[in-house]
Amino acid sequence: MRQIRILVADDHEVVRMGIKALLQQRPNLRVVAEASTGEEAVQQALTHQPDVVVMDIRMPGLSGVDACAQIVRQLPETRVVMLTSFAEDELLFAAIRAGASGYVLKRIGSDDLLRTIETVSRGESALDPAMTEAVFREVRQAEKSKDAAVFADLSAQEMRVLALIADGLTNREIAGRLFLGEGTVRNYVSNLLSKLHLANRAEAAAFAVQHRIKDHLT
C-alpha cells in the first residue's frame, strides 16, 4: 500500500495533535511535518514535499488561502485540503481558485477526513457535502453572467425580437406580436445581426438558444 506523506498546518496545537493522532491510525498515512503559521506551512512543504497538506484556512500571518496558492505553485504534485469551521462561500471559492483539491468542515467525521485525504492524494477533488450546493450555485451564476454579457450590446427591444426569432417567428409575426411595423422589425433584425456578428436568422436563432436568451429578458 502506497504511503501518503502529510503536512498538518493549524495554529492550534490541540487541533494539530488531534489530526495527527487520527492519521496515525492508518498505516498508509504518515505525518512528516507540522506548521502553526501560513509561512511555516509553505517552508515545511518545500522542505518535506508532502503528498498532501491538511491546512486550516484561517492561519496567522500568511493566510491559508495564500499559503495554499504558494504551495501549489511551487509543488504542483502536492495536494492541499483546506479545513474550516464555517461554510463560507467567499473563502470556499478563494480556496478553489488558489488550487485547493479539497475543502472540508472541521466538524467532518474522522472517517470522512481520512477518505478526503486518500481521495486528493490520487489527484481527485473532494468537497464537503455542505459546500456542494454553494459550488453549483456559483457555477450557475457564473454561467448566467457569461450569457448576459454576450447580449450586453442589444437593446431590450432587440432582445425581444431575437427571442421571437429563436421561436421561429417571421418578421410579420414578430411585428404583430410586438405591435411594430414590419419595416421596423427588419431594422431591428439587421441591427442585432450586426451587433452579434451573425450572418443570418438561423445563426441568430441558434445563438439565442445556446445562450439561454429567455433567462435574460426583461
N, C-alpha and C. Protein backbone atom coordinates (compact mmCIF):
# COMPACT_ATOMS: atom_id res chain seq x y z
N MET A 1 0.85 -1.19 0.00
CA MET A 1 0.00 0.00 0.00
C MET A 1 0.89 1.25 0.00
N ARG A 2 0.61 2.17 -0.94
CA ARG A 2 1.42 3.38 -1.06
C ARG A 2 1.22 4.26 0.17
N GLN A 3 2.31 4.73 0.74
CA GLN A 3 2.22 5.58 1.91
C GLN A 3 2.03 7.03 1.49
N ILE A 4 1.10 7.70 2.15
CA ILE A 4 0.79 9.09 1.85
C ILE A 4 1.44 9.97 2.90
N ARG A 5 2.32 10.85 2.47
CA ARG A 5 3.06 11.73 3.37
C ARG A 5 2.29 13.03 3.54
N ILE A 6 2.09 13.46 4.79
CA ILE A 6 1.17 14.56 5.09
C ILE A 6 1.82 15.64 5.94
N LEU A 7 1.52 16.88 5.62
CA LEU A 7 1.87 18.03 6.43
C LEU A 7 0.58 18.55 7.07
N VAL A 8 0.58 18.72 8.37
CA VAL A 8 -0.58 19.25 9.09
C VAL A 8 -0.29 20.68 9.52
N ALA A 9 -1.12 21.62 9.09
CA ALA A 9 -0.90 23.04 9.40
C ALA A 9 -2.14 23.62 10.07
N ASP A 10 -1.99 24.03 11.31
CA ASP A 10 -3.07 24.66 12.07
C ASP A 10 -2.42 25.44 13.20
N ASP A 11 -2.95 26.63 13.51
CA ASP A 11 -2.32 27.43 14.55
C ASP A 11 -2.66 26.94 15.96
N HIS A 12 -3.60 26.02 16.09
CA HIS A 12 -3.93 25.46 17.40
C HIS A 12 -3.24 24.11 17.58
N GLU A 13 -2.37 24.03 18.55
CA GLU A 13 -1.61 22.80 18.77
C GLU A 13 -2.52 21.61 19.06
N VAL A 14 -3.60 21.83 19.81
CA VAL A 14 -4.51 20.73 20.14
C VAL A 14 -5.14 20.16 18.87
N VAL A 15 -5.49 21.03 17.93
CA VAL A 15 -6.08 20.57 16.67
C VAL A 15 -5.06 19.75 15.89
N ARG A 16 -3.83 20.26 15.83
CA ARG A 16 -2.78 19.52 15.12
C ARG A 16 -2.57 18.14 15.74
N MET A 17 -2.55 18.11 17.06
CA MET A 17 -2.34 16.83 17.75
C MET A 17 -3.49 15.87 17.46
N GLY A 18 -4.71 16.41 17.43
CA GLY A 18 -5.86 15.56 17.16
C GLY A 18 -5.84 14.99 15.76
N ILE A 19 -5.51 15.83 14.79
CA ILE A 19 -5.43 15.35 13.40
C ILE A 19 -4.31 14.34 13.25
N LYS A 20 -3.17 14.63 13.85
CA LYS A 20 -2.03 13.73 13.77
C LYS A 20 -2.36 12.37 14.39
N ALA A 21 -3.03 12.38 15.55
CA ALA A 21 -3.41 11.12 16.21
C ALA A 21 -4.37 10.33 15.33
N LEU A 22 -5.28 11.05 14.67
CA LEU A 22 -6.23 10.38 13.79
C LEU A 22 -5.51 9.74 12.60
N LEU A 23 -4.62 10.48 11.99
CA LEU A 23 -3.93 9.98 10.80
C LEU A 23 -3.03 8.79 11.13
N GLN A 24 -2.48 8.77 12.32
CA GLN A 24 -1.58 7.67 12.69
C GLN A 24 -2.31 6.35 12.86
N GLN A 25 -3.64 6.39 12.83
CA GLN A 25 -4.41 5.15 12.93
C GLN A 25 -4.35 4.35 11.62
N ARG A 26 -3.97 5.03 10.54
CA ARG A 26 -3.89 4.38 9.24
C ARG A 26 -2.43 4.12 8.89
N PRO A 27 -2.07 2.88 8.61
CA PRO A 27 -0.67 2.57 8.31
C PRO A 27 -0.17 3.22 7.02
N ASN A 28 -1.09 3.60 6.14
CA ASN A 28 -0.66 4.19 4.87
C ASN A 28 -0.56 5.71 4.95
N LEU A 29 -0.83 6.29 6.13
CA LEU A 29 -0.74 7.74 6.31
C LEU A 29 0.37 8.07 7.29
N ARG A 30 1.22 9.03 6.92
CA ARG A 30 2.33 9.40 7.81
C ARG A 30 2.49 10.91 7.84
N VAL A 31 2.43 11.49 9.02
CA VAL A 31 2.64 12.93 9.17
C VAL A 31 4.14 13.19 9.18
N VAL A 32 4.60 13.93 8.19
CA VAL A 32 6.04 14.18 8.07
C VAL A 32 6.44 15.55 8.61
N ALA A 33 5.44 16.44 8.83
CA ALA A 33 5.77 17.77 9.34
C ALA A 33 4.50 18.45 9.85
N GLU A 34 4.71 19.48 10.69
CA GLU A 34 3.62 20.29 11.21
C GLU A 34 3.97 21.76 11.04
N ALA A 35 2.94 22.60 11.04
CA ALA A 35 3.17 24.04 10.92
C ALA A 35 2.07 24.78 11.68
N SER A 36 2.45 25.94 12.27
CA SER A 36 1.48 26.71 13.05
C SER A 36 1.16 28.07 12.42
N THR A 37 1.83 28.41 11.31
CA THR A 37 1.54 29.65 10.59
C THR A 37 1.54 29.36 9.09
N GLY A 38 1.00 30.30 8.33
CA GLY A 38 1.00 30.11 6.88
C GLY A 38 2.39 30.07 6.30
N GLU A 39 3.26 30.97 6.78
CA GLU A 39 4.64 31.00 6.29
C GLU A 39 5.35 29.67 6.60
N GLU A 40 5.13 29.17 7.81
CA GLU A 40 5.77 27.92 8.20
C GLU A 40 5.24 26.76 7.36
N ALA A 41 3.97 26.81 7.02
CA ALA A 41 3.38 25.76 6.19
C ALA A 41 4.07 25.70 4.82
N VAL A 42 4.31 26.87 4.24
CA VAL A 42 5.00 26.92 2.95
C VAL A 42 6.42 26.38 3.09
N GLN A 43 7.14 26.83 4.12
CA GLN A 43 8.53 26.39 4.33
C GLN A 43 8.60 24.88 4.54
N GLN A 44 7.72 24.36 5.38
CA GLN A 44 7.73 22.92 5.66
C GLN A 44 7.34 22.11 4.42
N ALA A 45 6.42 22.65 3.64
CA ALA A 45 6.03 21.96 2.41
C ALA A 45 7.20 21.87 1.44
N LEU A 46 7.93 22.97 1.30
CA LEU A 46 9.08 22.98 0.39
C LEU A 46 10.18 22.04 0.90
N THR A 47 10.32 21.96 2.22
CA THR A 47 11.36 21.10 2.79
C THR A 47 11.01 19.62 2.65
N HIS A 48 9.78 19.26 2.98
CA HIS A 48 9.39 17.85 3.04
C HIS A 48 8.64 17.35 1.81
N GLN A 49 8.14 18.28 0.98
CA GLN A 49 7.42 17.92 -0.24
C GLN A 49 6.39 16.79 0.02
N PRO A 50 5.42 17.06 0.88
CA PRO A 50 4.43 16.03 1.21
C PRO A 50 3.48 15.76 0.04
N ASP A 51 2.80 14.65 0.13
CA ASP A 51 1.77 14.35 -0.88
C ASP A 51 0.53 15.20 -0.65
N VAL A 52 0.21 15.42 0.63
CA VAL A 52 -1.00 16.17 0.99
C VAL A 52 -0.69 17.13 2.13
N VAL A 53 -1.22 18.34 2.02
CA VAL A 53 -1.18 19.31 3.12
C VAL A 53 -2.59 19.47 3.65
N VAL A 54 -2.77 19.25 4.95
CA VAL A 54 -4.06 19.49 5.59
C VAL A 54 -3.92 20.78 6.38
N MET A 55 -4.63 21.83 5.95
CA MET A 55 -4.35 23.16 6.50
C MET A 55 -5.61 23.94 6.82
N ASP A 56 -5.58 24.59 7.98
CA ASP A 56 -6.66 25.49 8.38
C ASP A 56 -6.68 26.68 7.43
N ILE A 57 -7.87 27.08 7.01
CA ILE A 57 -7.95 28.19 6.06
C ILE A 57 -7.62 29.53 6.72
N ARG A 58 -7.84 29.61 8.04
CA ARG A 58 -7.55 30.85 8.77
C ARG A 58 -6.24 30.68 9.56
N MET A 59 -5.15 31.01 8.92
CA MET A 59 -3.85 30.89 9.56
C MET A 59 -3.32 32.27 9.90
N PRO A 60 -2.55 32.41 11.00
CA PRO A 60 -1.96 33.70 11.34
C PRO A 60 -0.85 34.06 10.35
N GLY A 61 -0.69 35.37 10.13
CA GLY A 61 0.31 35.79 9.15
C GLY A 61 -0.22 35.53 7.74
N LEU A 62 0.52 34.76 6.99
CA LEU A 62 0.09 34.38 5.65
C LEU A 62 -1.17 33.52 5.78
N SER A 63 -2.24 33.89 5.09
CA SER A 63 -3.49 33.14 5.23
C SER A 63 -3.38 31.74 4.64
N GLY A 64 -4.29 30.88 5.05
CA GLY A 64 -4.30 29.53 4.50
C GLY A 64 -4.47 29.53 2.99
N VAL A 65 -5.31 30.44 2.48
CA VAL A 65 -5.53 30.53 1.04
C VAL A 65 -4.25 30.93 0.32
N ASP A 66 -3.57 31.96 0.83
CA ASP A 66 -2.32 32.41 0.20
C ASP A 66 -1.23 31.35 0.32
N ALA A 67 -1.18 30.67 1.46
CA ALA A 67 -0.19 29.60 1.63
C ALA A 67 -0.48 28.47 0.66
N CYS A 68 -1.74 28.16 0.49
CA CYS A 68 -2.14 27.12 -0.47
C CYS A 68 -1.66 27.48 -1.88
N ALA A 69 -1.91 28.73 -2.27
CA ALA A 69 -1.51 29.17 -3.62
C ALA A 69 0.00 29.03 -3.82
N GLN A 70 0.78 29.42 -2.81
CA GLN A 70 2.24 29.32 -2.93
C GLN A 70 2.69 27.86 -3.01
N ILE A 71 2.09 27.01 -2.19
CA ILE A 71 2.48 25.59 -2.18
C ILE A 71 2.15 24.94 -3.52
N VAL A 72 0.95 25.16 -3.99
CA VAL A 72 0.53 24.54 -5.26
C VAL A 72 1.37 25.04 -6.42
N ARG A 73 1.72 26.33 -6.39
CA ARG A 73 2.52 26.89 -7.48
C ARG A 73 3.92 26.28 -7.50
N GLN A 74 4.51 26.09 -6.32
CA GLN A 74 5.89 25.59 -6.25
C GLN A 74 5.98 24.07 -6.20
N LEU A 75 4.90 23.43 -5.74
CA LEU A 75 4.88 21.96 -5.65
C LEU A 75 3.60 21.45 -6.30
N PRO A 76 3.53 21.44 -7.62
CA PRO A 76 2.29 21.07 -8.31
C PRO A 76 1.79 19.66 -8.02
N GLU A 77 2.65 18.79 -7.53
CA GLU A 77 2.23 17.42 -7.22
C GLU A 77 1.64 17.30 -5.81
N THR A 78 1.82 18.34 -5.01
CA THR A 78 1.28 18.32 -3.64
C THR A 78 -0.17 18.79 -3.64
N ARG A 79 -1.03 18.04 -2.96
CA ARG A 79 -2.46 18.38 -2.88
C ARG A 79 -2.74 19.05 -1.54
N VAL A 80 -3.62 20.04 -1.56
CA VAL A 80 -3.95 20.76 -0.34
C VAL A 80 -5.42 20.57 0.01
N VAL A 81 -5.66 20.17 1.27
CA VAL A 81 -7.01 20.08 1.81
C VAL A 81 -7.18 21.22 2.80
N MET A 82 -8.15 22.08 2.56
CA MET A 82 -8.40 23.20 3.45
C MET A 82 -9.44 22.81 4.50
N LEU A 83 -9.15 23.17 5.74
CA LEU A 83 -10.08 22.94 6.85
C LEU A 83 -10.69 24.27 7.28
N THR A 84 -11.97 24.27 7.60
CA THR A 84 -12.61 25.49 8.08
C THR A 84 -13.70 25.14 9.09
N SER A 85 -13.97 26.07 9.98
CA SER A 85 -15.00 25.85 10.99
C SER A 85 -16.39 26.19 10.48
N PHE A 86 -16.45 27.05 9.44
CA PHE A 86 -17.74 27.51 8.95
C PHE A 86 -17.81 27.38 7.42
N ALA A 87 -19.03 27.16 6.92
CA ALA A 87 -19.26 27.06 5.48
C ALA A 87 -19.40 28.47 4.91
N GLU A 88 -18.29 29.06 4.50
CA GLU A 88 -18.30 30.42 3.97
C GLU A 88 -18.01 30.39 2.48
N ASP A 89 -19.00 30.83 1.68
CA ASP A 89 -18.87 30.77 0.23
C ASP A 89 -17.63 31.51 -0.28
N GLU A 90 -17.38 32.71 0.26
CA GLU A 90 -16.27 33.52 -0.23
C GLU A 90 -14.94 32.81 -0.04
N LEU A 91 -14.73 32.23 1.14
CA LEU A 91 -13.49 31.51 1.39
C LEU A 91 -13.40 30.24 0.56
N LEU A 92 -14.55 29.58 0.37
CA LEU A 92 -14.57 28.36 -0.43
C LEU A 92 -14.03 28.63 -1.83
N PHE A 93 -14.55 29.65 -2.48
CA PHE A 93 -14.13 29.92 -3.86
C PHE A 93 -12.72 30.49 -3.92
N ALA A 94 -12.33 31.21 -2.88
CA ALA A 94 -10.94 31.68 -2.82
C ALA A 94 -10.00 30.49 -2.74
N ALA A 95 -10.36 29.47 -1.95
CA ALA A 95 -9.53 28.28 -1.82
C ALA A 95 -9.47 27.50 -3.13
N ILE A 96 -10.60 27.39 -3.80
CA ILE A 96 -10.63 26.68 -5.08
C ILE A 96 -9.75 27.40 -6.09
N ARG A 97 -9.87 28.73 -6.14
CA ARG A 97 -9.04 29.50 -7.08
C ARG A 97 -7.56 29.37 -6.73
N ALA A 98 -7.26 29.19 -5.45
CA ALA A 98 -5.86 29.06 -5.02
C ALA A 98 -5.28 27.69 -5.36
N GLY A 99 -6.15 26.76 -5.75
CA GLY A 99 -5.66 25.45 -6.16
C GLY A 99 -5.90 24.33 -5.17
N ALA A 100 -6.72 24.59 -4.13
CA ALA A 100 -7.01 23.53 -3.16
C ALA A 100 -7.74 22.38 -3.83
N SER A 101 -7.39 21.16 -3.45
CA SER A 101 -8.03 19.97 -4.01
C SER A 101 -9.20 19.50 -3.16
N GLY A 102 -9.23 19.94 -1.89
CA GLY A 102 -10.31 19.55 -1.00
C GLY A 102 -10.64 20.68 -0.05
N TYR A 103 -11.88 20.70 0.40
CA TYR A 103 -12.32 21.76 1.29
C TYR A 103 -13.35 21.14 2.21
N VAL A 104 -13.04 21.02 3.50
CA VAL A 104 -13.94 20.31 4.42
C VAL A 104 -14.12 21.09 5.72
N LEU A 105 -15.27 20.87 6.33
CA LEU A 105 -15.56 21.48 7.62
C LEU A 105 -14.88 20.70 8.73
N LYS A 106 -14.45 21.40 9.78
CA LYS A 106 -13.76 20.74 10.88
C LYS A 106 -14.66 19.76 11.63
N ARG A 107 -15.97 19.96 11.50
CA ARG A 107 -16.87 19.02 12.18
C ARG A 107 -17.06 17.72 11.39
N ILE A 108 -16.35 17.59 10.29
CA ILE A 108 -16.43 16.38 9.47
C ILE A 108 -16.04 15.16 10.32
N GLY A 109 -16.64 14.03 10.04
CA GLY A 109 -16.30 12.81 10.77
C GLY A 109 -14.89 12.35 10.44
N SER A 110 -14.28 11.62 11.36
CA SER A 110 -12.90 11.19 11.17
C SER A 110 -12.74 10.33 9.93
N ASP A 111 -13.68 9.41 9.70
CA ASP A 111 -13.59 8.56 8.51
C ASP A 111 -13.68 9.38 7.24
N ASP A 112 -14.53 10.42 7.26
CA ASP A 112 -14.67 11.27 6.08
C ASP A 112 -13.39 12.05 5.80
N LEU A 113 -12.72 12.52 6.85
CA LEU A 113 -11.47 13.24 6.64
C LEU A 113 -10.41 12.31 6.06
N LEU A 114 -10.34 11.10 6.57
CA LEU A 114 -9.37 10.14 6.06
C LEU A 114 -9.65 9.83 4.59
N ARG A 115 -10.93 9.66 4.25
CA ARG A 115 -11.28 9.39 2.85
C ARG A 115 -10.92 10.59 1.97
N THR A 116 -11.14 11.80 2.49
CA THR A 116 -10.81 13.00 1.72
C THR A 116 -9.32 13.05 1.41
N ILE A 117 -8.48 12.77 2.41
CA ILE A 117 -7.03 12.78 2.21
C ILE A 117 -6.63 11.74 1.17
N GLU A 118 -7.19 10.55 1.27
CA GLU A 118 -6.84 9.50 0.31
C GLU A 118 -7.35 9.85 -1.09
N THR A 119 -8.51 10.50 -1.15
CA THR A 119 -9.06 10.90 -2.45
C THR A 119 -8.18 11.92 -3.15
N VAL A 120 -7.80 12.99 -2.43
CA VAL A 120 -6.99 14.02 -3.08
C VAL A 120 -5.59 13.52 -3.39
N SER A 121 -5.10 12.57 -2.62
CA SER A 121 -3.75 12.03 -2.89
C SER A 121 -3.71 11.31 -4.22
N ARG A 122 -4.88 10.87 -4.71
CA ARG A 122 -4.96 10.20 -6.02
C ARG A 122 -5.14 11.20 -7.16
N GLY A 123 -5.12 12.48 -6.82
CA GLY A 123 -5.27 13.50 -7.85
C GLY A 123 -6.71 13.91 -8.09
N GLU A 124 -7.63 13.41 -7.26
CA GLU A 124 -9.03 13.76 -7.40
C GLU A 124 -9.36 14.94 -6.48
N SER A 125 -10.56 15.48 -6.62
CA SER A 125 -11.00 16.57 -5.77
C SER A 125 -12.05 16.08 -4.79
N ALA A 126 -12.13 16.73 -3.65
CA ALA A 126 -13.11 16.34 -2.63
C ALA A 126 -13.69 17.59 -2.00
N LEU A 127 -15.00 17.58 -1.84
CA LEU A 127 -15.69 18.73 -1.28
C LEU A 127 -16.69 18.27 -0.25
N ASP A 128 -16.68 18.93 0.90
CA ASP A 128 -17.65 18.61 1.94
C ASP A 128 -19.06 18.76 1.36
N PRO A 129 -19.95 17.80 1.61
CA PRO A 129 -21.32 17.89 1.07
C PRO A 129 -22.02 19.20 1.39
N ALA A 130 -21.70 19.79 2.53
CA ALA A 130 -22.33 21.06 2.91
C ALA A 130 -21.94 22.18 1.95
N MET A 131 -20.83 21.99 1.21
CA MET A 131 -20.36 23.02 0.30
C MET A 131 -20.86 22.83 -1.13
N THR A 132 -21.35 21.66 -1.44
CA THR A 132 -21.65 21.32 -2.83
C THR A 132 -22.66 22.28 -3.45
N GLU A 133 -23.75 22.58 -2.75
CA GLU A 133 -24.76 23.48 -3.30
C GLU A 133 -24.19 24.86 -3.55
N ALA A 134 -23.28 25.31 -2.69
CA ALA A 134 -22.67 26.62 -2.89
C ALA A 134 -21.86 26.65 -4.19
N VAL A 135 -21.16 25.56 -4.47
CA VAL A 135 -20.37 25.48 -5.70
C VAL A 135 -21.29 25.52 -6.91
N PHE A 136 -22.33 24.68 -6.90
CA PHE A 136 -23.24 24.67 -8.04
C PHE A 136 -23.92 26.02 -8.22
N ARG A 137 -24.25 26.68 -7.12
CA ARG A 137 -24.90 27.99 -7.21
C ARG A 137 -23.96 29.00 -7.86
N GLU A 138 -22.69 28.96 -7.47
CA GLU A 138 -21.71 29.87 -8.05
C GLU A 138 -21.50 29.59 -9.53
N VAL A 139 -21.44 28.31 -9.88
CA VAL A 139 -21.26 27.95 -11.29
C VAL A 139 -22.45 28.42 -12.12
N ARG A 140 -23.65 28.20 -11.60
CA ARG A 140 -24.84 28.64 -12.33
C ARG A 140 -24.85 30.15 -12.50
N GLN A 141 -24.47 30.87 -11.45
CA GLN A 141 -24.45 32.32 -11.54
C GLN A 141 -23.39 32.79 -12.52
N ALA A 142 -22.23 32.12 -12.52
CA ALA A 142 -21.17 32.49 -13.46
C ALA A 142 -21.61 32.27 -14.90
N GLU A 143 -22.31 31.15 -15.14
CA GLU A 143 -22.80 30.87 -16.48
C GLU A 143 -23.84 31.90 -16.90
N LYS A 144 -24.72 32.26 -15.97
CA LYS A 144 -25.74 33.26 -16.28
C LYS A 144 -25.11 34.60 -16.61
N SER A 145 -24.10 34.99 -15.84
CA SER A 145 -23.42 36.26 -16.08
C SER A 145 -22.69 36.23 -17.42
N LYS A 146 -22.11 35.09 -17.74
CA LYS A 146 -21.41 34.94 -19.02
C LYS A 146 -22.38 35.09 -20.18
N ASP A 147 -23.55 34.44 -20.06
CA ASP A 147 -24.56 34.55 -21.12
C ASP A 147 -25.06 35.98 -21.24
N ALA A 148 -25.30 36.64 -20.11
CA ALA A 148 -25.81 38.00 -20.14
C ALA A 148 -24.83 38.93 -20.85
N ALA A 149 -23.54 38.68 -20.69
CA ALA A 149 -22.53 39.54 -21.29
C ALA A 149 -22.59 39.54 -22.81
N VAL A 150 -22.96 38.41 -23.40
CA VAL A 150 -22.98 38.35 -24.87
C VAL A 150 -24.12 39.17 -25.45
N PHE A 151 -25.12 39.49 -24.63
CA PHE A 151 -26.25 40.30 -25.10
C PHE A 151 -26.12 41.76 -24.67
N ALA A 152 -24.98 42.14 -24.11
CA ALA A 152 -24.84 43.46 -23.49
C ALA A 152 -25.09 44.61 -24.47
N ASP A 153 -24.79 44.41 -25.75
CA ASP A 153 -24.94 45.50 -26.73
C ASP A 153 -26.35 45.62 -27.29
N LEU A 154 -27.22 44.69 -26.96
CA LEU A 154 -28.58 44.71 -27.51
C LEU A 154 -29.52 45.52 -26.62
N SER A 155 -30.43 46.25 -27.26
CA SER A 155 -31.46 46.96 -26.50
C SER A 155 -32.52 45.95 -26.05
N ALA A 156 -33.39 46.39 -25.15
CA ALA A 156 -34.44 45.50 -24.66
C ALA A 156 -35.34 45.03 -25.81
N GLN A 157 -35.63 45.93 -26.72
CA GLN A 157 -36.49 45.56 -27.85
C GLN A 157 -35.78 44.58 -28.79
N GLU A 158 -34.51 44.80 -29.03
CA GLU A 158 -33.74 43.86 -29.86
C GLU A 158 -33.69 42.48 -29.20
N MET A 159 -33.60 42.45 -27.88
CA MET A 159 -33.62 41.17 -27.16
C MET A 159 -34.95 40.45 -27.40
N ARG A 160 -36.05 41.21 -27.35
CA ARG A 160 -37.36 40.58 -27.56
C ARG A 160 -37.49 40.07 -28.99
N VAL A 161 -36.99 40.84 -29.93
CA VAL A 161 -37.03 40.40 -31.33
C VAL A 161 -36.20 39.13 -31.52
N LEU A 162 -35.01 39.12 -30.93
CA LEU A 162 -34.15 37.94 -31.05
C LEU A 162 -34.80 36.71 -30.43
N ALA A 163 -35.45 36.88 -29.30
CA ALA A 163 -36.12 35.75 -28.65
C ALA A 163 -37.22 35.18 -29.54
N LEU A 164 -37.94 36.06 -30.25
CA LEU A 164 -39.01 35.60 -31.14
C LEU A 164 -38.44 34.95 -32.40
N ILE A 165 -37.29 35.43 -32.84
CA ILE A 165 -36.60 34.75 -33.95
C ILE A 165 -36.26 33.33 -33.54
N ALA A 166 -35.78 33.18 -32.30
CA ALA A 166 -35.44 31.86 -31.78
C ALA A 166 -36.67 30.96 -31.72
N ASP A 167 -37.84 31.57 -31.54
CA ASP A 167 -39.10 30.79 -31.52
C ASP A 167 -39.59 30.46 -32.92
N GLY A 168 -38.87 30.95 -33.94
CA GLY A 168 -39.23 30.61 -35.32
C GLY A 168 -40.22 31.56 -35.98
N LEU A 169 -40.48 32.72 -35.39
CA LEU A 169 -41.45 33.65 -35.96
C LEU A 169 -40.84 34.43 -37.13
N THR A 170 -41.67 34.77 -38.11
CA THR A 170 -41.25 35.60 -39.23
C THR A 170 -41.28 37.06 -38.80
N ASN A 171 -40.76 37.94 -39.67
CA ASN A 171 -40.80 39.37 -39.35
C ASN A 171 -42.24 39.85 -39.19
N ARG A 172 -43.11 39.37 -40.04
CA ARG A 172 -44.51 39.80 -39.96
C ARG A 172 -45.13 39.35 -38.64
N GLU A 173 -44.84 38.13 -38.25
CA GLU A 173 -45.39 37.61 -36.99
C GLU A 173 -44.81 38.36 -35.79
N ILE A 174 -43.51 38.69 -35.86
CA ILE A 174 -42.89 39.45 -34.77
C ILE A 174 -43.51 40.83 -34.69
N ALA A 175 -43.76 41.46 -35.86
CA ALA A 175 -44.37 42.78 -35.89
C ALA A 175 -45.73 42.75 -35.21
N GLY A 176 -46.51 41.72 -35.50
CA GLY A 176 -47.82 41.60 -34.88
C GLY A 176 -47.73 41.37 -33.38
N ARG A 177 -46.77 40.57 -32.97
CA ARG A 177 -46.62 40.24 -31.55
C ARG A 177 -46.18 41.47 -30.74
N LEU A 178 -45.32 42.29 -31.34
CA LEU A 178 -44.76 43.44 -30.60
C LEU A 178 -45.42 44.78 -30.96
N PHE A 179 -46.45 44.71 -31.82
CA PHE A 179 -47.17 45.91 -32.24
C PHE A 179 -46.24 46.92 -32.91
N LEU A 180 -45.42 46.40 -33.84
CA LEU A 180 -44.48 47.21 -34.58
C LEU A 180 -44.76 47.09 -36.07
N GLY A 181 -44.22 48.03 -36.85
CA GLY A 181 -44.28 47.89 -38.29
C GLY A 181 -43.28 46.84 -38.76
N GLU A 182 -43.60 46.17 -39.86
CA GLU A 182 -42.71 45.12 -40.35
C GLU A 182 -41.34 45.69 -40.73
N GLY A 183 -41.33 46.92 -41.27
CA GLY A 183 -40.06 47.56 -41.61
C GLY A 183 -39.22 47.82 -40.37
N THR A 184 -39.88 48.19 -39.29
CA THR A 184 -39.16 48.43 -38.03
C THR A 184 -38.52 47.14 -37.53
N VAL A 185 -39.25 46.03 -37.65
CA VAL A 185 -38.72 44.74 -37.23
C VAL A 185 -37.50 44.37 -38.07
N ARG A 186 -37.59 44.64 -39.40
CA ARG A 186 -36.44 44.35 -40.27
C ARG A 186 -35.21 45.12 -39.81
N ASN A 187 -35.41 46.37 -39.40
CA ASN A 187 -34.28 47.17 -38.92
C ASN A 187 -33.70 46.58 -37.64
N TYR A 188 -34.59 46.15 -36.74
CA TYR A 188 -34.12 45.52 -35.50
C TYR A 188 -33.31 44.27 -35.81
N VAL A 189 -33.82 43.47 -36.74
CA VAL A 189 -33.12 42.22 -37.10
C VAL A 189 -31.75 42.54 -37.67
N SER A 190 -31.69 43.51 -38.57
CA SER A 190 -30.42 43.89 -39.19
C SER A 190 -29.43 44.39 -38.13
N ASN A 191 -29.93 45.20 -37.20
CA ASN A 191 -29.06 45.75 -36.16
C ASN A 191 -28.52 44.66 -35.24
N LEU A 192 -29.38 43.76 -34.82
CA LEU A 192 -28.91 42.74 -33.87
C LEU A 192 -27.95 41.74 -34.54
N LEU A 193 -28.19 41.45 -35.82
CA LEU A 193 -27.25 40.58 -36.53
C LEU A 193 -25.87 41.24 -36.60
N SER A 194 -25.87 42.54 -36.86
CA SER A 194 -24.60 43.27 -36.94
C SER A 194 -23.90 43.31 -35.59
N LYS A 195 -24.65 43.60 -34.53
CA LYS A 195 -24.04 43.69 -33.20
C LYS A 195 -23.48 42.36 -32.72
N LEU A 196 -24.15 41.27 -33.09
CA LEU A 196 -23.71 39.95 -32.64
C LEU A 196 -22.77 39.26 -33.64
N HIS A 197 -22.50 39.95 -34.76
CA HIS A 197 -21.60 39.42 -35.80
C HIS A 197 -22.11 38.07 -36.33
N LEU A 198 -23.41 38.05 -36.62
CA LEU A 198 -24.04 36.84 -37.15
C LEU A 198 -24.48 37.09 -38.59
N ALA A 199 -24.53 36.01 -39.38
CA ALA A 199 -24.78 36.16 -40.80
C ALA A 199 -26.26 36.16 -41.16
N ASN A 200 -27.07 35.42 -40.42
CA ASN A 200 -28.47 35.28 -40.81
C ASN A 200 -29.35 34.90 -39.62
N ARG A 201 -30.65 34.74 -39.90
CA ARG A 201 -31.62 34.45 -38.83
C ARG A 201 -31.36 33.08 -38.20
N ALA A 202 -30.93 32.12 -39.00
CA ALA A 202 -30.68 30.79 -38.46
C ALA A 202 -29.56 30.83 -37.43
N GLU A 203 -28.50 31.56 -37.75
CA GLU A 203 -27.41 31.70 -36.78
C GLU A 203 -27.89 32.44 -35.54
N ALA A 204 -28.73 33.46 -35.75
CA ALA A 204 -29.25 34.23 -34.62
C ALA A 204 -30.09 33.35 -33.70
N ALA A 205 -30.93 32.52 -34.29
CA ALA A 205 -31.78 31.63 -33.50
C ALA A 205 -30.94 30.66 -32.68
N ALA A 206 -29.93 30.08 -33.32
CA ALA A 206 -29.06 29.12 -32.63
C ALA A 206 -28.29 29.82 -31.50
N PHE A 207 -27.82 31.03 -31.78
CA PHE A 207 -27.07 31.80 -30.78
C PHE A 207 -27.96 32.11 -29.57
N ALA A 208 -29.19 32.51 -29.83
CA ALA A 208 -30.11 32.86 -28.75
C ALA A 208 -30.41 31.67 -27.86
N VAL A 209 -30.61 30.51 -28.48
CA VAL A 209 -30.91 29.30 -27.71
C VAL A 209 -29.67 28.88 -26.91
N GLN A 210 -28.52 28.91 -27.55
CA GLN A 210 -27.27 28.50 -26.87
C GLN A 210 -27.02 29.31 -25.61
N HIS A 211 -27.34 30.61 -25.68
CA HIS A 211 -27.05 31.49 -24.54
C HIS A 211 -28.29 31.79 -23.70
N ARG A 212 -29.30 30.95 -23.85
CA ARG A 212 -30.49 30.99 -22.99
C ARG A 212 -31.07 32.41 -22.88
N ILE A 213 -31.44 32.96 -24.03
CA ILE A 213 -31.89 34.35 -24.06
C ILE A 213 -33.11 34.59 -23.18
N LYS A 214 -33.97 33.61 -23.04
CA LYS A 214 -35.20 33.83 -22.28
C LYS A 214 -34.95 34.03 -20.79
N ASP A 215 -33.75 33.62 -20.33
CA ASP A 215 -33.39 33.87 -18.94
C ASP A 215 -33.01 35.33 -18.71
N HIS A 216 -32.83 36.06 -19.82
CA HIS A 216 -32.32 37.43 -19.70
C HIS A 216 -33.29 38.49 -20.21
N LEU A 217 -34.51 38.08 -20.52
CA LEU A 217 -35.50 39.06 -21.00
C LEU A 217 -36.04 39.87 -19.83
N THR A 218 -36.28 41.14 -20.07
CA THR A 218 -36.83 42.00 -19.02
C THR A 218 -38.27 42.35 -19.33
